[in-house]
Amino acid sequence: MQKELLEEEIKGIEDEFQSHGGDLQGNSARTVMENSDSLFDAYELEKTITDLMDDKCELTQQDILNTMKEYRRMFTLLGSAFSLLRQILPSNSDLQTLEKTIDEADKVWKKLGIS
């Protein structure tokens, strides 16, 4: 039950900060964060993957789409964290949200096997 509540809260955090508009670490990083929805658009990815897949591919189309969904989620969470970090005088609630956001981003980062 607690896990479901936490997942619901994290989803709310992602939705709240999904399209923030701050400067992260240069224009390239900001562009990726701001465009994560379109960069990882499931319909476009599915079309591209279907066009490029061949018999030698060890992953299924669904495996690839699931991985892209996790990257999209990670970029959203990182964008949210950077947005919260830019606050000059964050409230206790902001700090709690930041901690939860970073924890969730860390889980996704590790799940994806990023070094």
Protein backbone atom coordinates (compact mmCIF):
# COMPACT_ATOMS: atom_id res chain seq x y z
CA MET A 1 0.00 0.00 0.00
CA GLN A 2 2.81 2.41 0.92
CA LYS A 3 4.60 1.62 -2.37
CA GLU A 4 1.46 2.54 -4.36
CA LEU A 5 1.14 5.83 -2.47
CA LEU A 6 4.79 6.66 -3.12
CA GLU A 7 4.44 5.81 -6.82
CA GLU A 8 1.36 8.03 -7.01
CA GLU A 9 3.26 10.86 -5.33
CA ILE A 10 6.25 10.45 -7.67
CA LYS A 11 3.86 10.50 -10.66
CA GLY A 12 2.45 13.77 -9.32
CA ILE A 13 5.96 15.20 -9.04
CA GLU A 14 6.73 14.18 -12.63
CA ASP A 15 3.50 15.75 -13.88
CA GLU A 16 4.07 18.96 -11.92
CA PHE A 17 7.56 19.56 -13.28
CA GLN A 18 7.31 17.87 -16.67
CA SER A 19 7.75 21.04 -18.66
CA HIS A 20 9.72 23.43 -16.48
CA GLY A 21 11.74 25.99 -18.35
CA GLY A 22 15.02 26.65 -16.59
CA ASP A 23 18.66 26.70 -17.58
CA LEU A 24 20.35 23.46 -16.54
CA GLN A 25 23.94 23.16 -17.73
CA GLY A 26 23.85 24.86 -21.06
CA ASN A 27 21.45 24.97 -23.95
CA SER A 28 21.96 21.38 -25.09
CA ALA A 29 21.07 19.87 -21.72
CA ARG A 30 18.07 22.16 -21.36
CA THR A 31 16.85 21.29 -24.83
CA VAL A 32 16.96 17.57 -24.07
CA MET A 33 15.12 18.02 -20.77
CA GLU A 34 12.46 20.27 -22.28
CA ASN A 35 11.88 17.99 -25.25
CA SER A 36 11.94 14.61 -23.51
CA ASP A 37 8.26 14.06 -24.38
CA SER A 38 8.82 14.47 -28.10
CA LEU A 39 12.26 12.83 -28.09
CA PHE A 40 10.82 9.70 -26.53
CA ASP A 41 7.42 9.81 -28.21
CA ALA A 42 6.15 6.22 -28.27
CA TYR A 43 4.38 6.46 -31.63
CA GLU A 44 7.40 7.85 -33.49
CA LEU A 45 9.74 5.41 -31.77
CA GLU A 46 7.53 2.46 -32.61
CA LYS A 47 7.46 3.47 -36.26
CA THR A 48 11.24 3.98 -36.37
CA ILE A 49 11.98 0.75 -34.52
CA THR A 50 9.67 -1.26 -36.76
CA ASP A 51 11.37 0.18 -39.82
CA LEU A 52 14.88 -0.60 -38.53
CA MET A 53 14.45 -3.93 -36.76
CA ASP A 54 15.73 -7.08 -38.39
CA ASP A 55 16.02 -10.76 -37.45
CA LYS A 56 19.38 -10.17 -35.76
CA CYS A 57 17.92 -7.87 -33.10
CA GLU A 58 17.96 -9.61 -29.70
CA LEU A 59 15.41 -7.25 -28.15
CA THR A 60 11.72 -7.15 -28.85
CA GLN A 61 10.05 -3.97 -29.97
CA GLN A 62 8.34 -3.79 -26.56
CA ASP A 63 11.70 -4.11 -24.75
CA ILE A 64 13.01 -1.11 -26.66
CA LEU A 65 9.87 0.95 -26.05
CA ASN A 66 9.99 0.15 -22.33
CA THR A 67 13.63 1.27 -22.16
CA MET A 68 12.81 4.52 -23.94
CA LYS A 69 9.94 5.09 -21.50
CA GLU A 70 12.39 4.73 -18.60
CA TYR A 71 14.81 7.23 -20.19
CA ARG A 72 11.94 9.67 -20.65
CA ARG A 73 11.01 9.21 -17.00
CA MET A 74 14.62 9.73 -15.90
CA PHE A 75 14.96 12.96 -17.89
CA THR A 76 11.68 14.22 -16.43
CA LEU A 77 12.83 13.44 -12.90
CA LEU A 78 16.26 15.03 -13.46
CA GLY A 79 14.60 18.10 -14.94
CA SER A 80 12.37 18.31 -11.88
CA ALA A 81 15.34 17.98 -9.55
CA PHE A 82 17.28 20.73 -11.35
CA SER A 83 14.22 22.97 -11.21
CA LEU A 84 13.93 22.46 -7.45
CA LEU A 85 17.67 23.00 -6.96
CA ARG A 86 17.46 26.43 -8.57
CA GLN A 87 15.14 27.73 -5.86
CA ILE A 88 16.81 30.38 -3.72
CA LEU A 89 14.86 29.75 -0.50
CA PRO A 90 13.23 26.32 -0.78
CA SER A 91 10.61 25.32 1.77
CA ASN A 92 10.79 22.13 3.80
CA SER A 93 8.19 20.69 1.44
CA ASP A 94 10.39 21.59 -1.56
CA LEU A 95 13.34 19.83 0.08
CA GLN A 96 11.26 16.72 0.76
CA THR A 97 10.04 16.71 -2.82
CA LEU A 98 13.61 17.13 -4.04
CA GLU A 99 14.79 14.19 -1.93
CA LYS A 100 12.00 11.94 -3.26
CA THR A 101 12.67 13.07 -6.82
CA ILE A 102 16.41 12.39 -6.57
CA ASP A 103 15.79 8.99 -4.94
CA GLU A 104 13.43 7.99 -7.74
CA ALA A 105 15.80 9.29 -10.44
CA ASP A 106 18.59 7.28 -8.83
CA LYS A 107 16.47 4.11 -8.99
CA VAL A 108 15.68 4.66 -12.67
CA TRP A 109 19.36 5.52 -13.40
CA LYS A 110 20.48 2.25 -11.80
CA LYS A 111 17.72 0.25 -13.52
CA LEU A 112 18.97 1.54 -16.87
CA GLY A 113 22.53 0.56 -15.94
CA ILE A 114 23.99 4.01 -16.57
CA SER A 115 27.52 4.34 -15.21
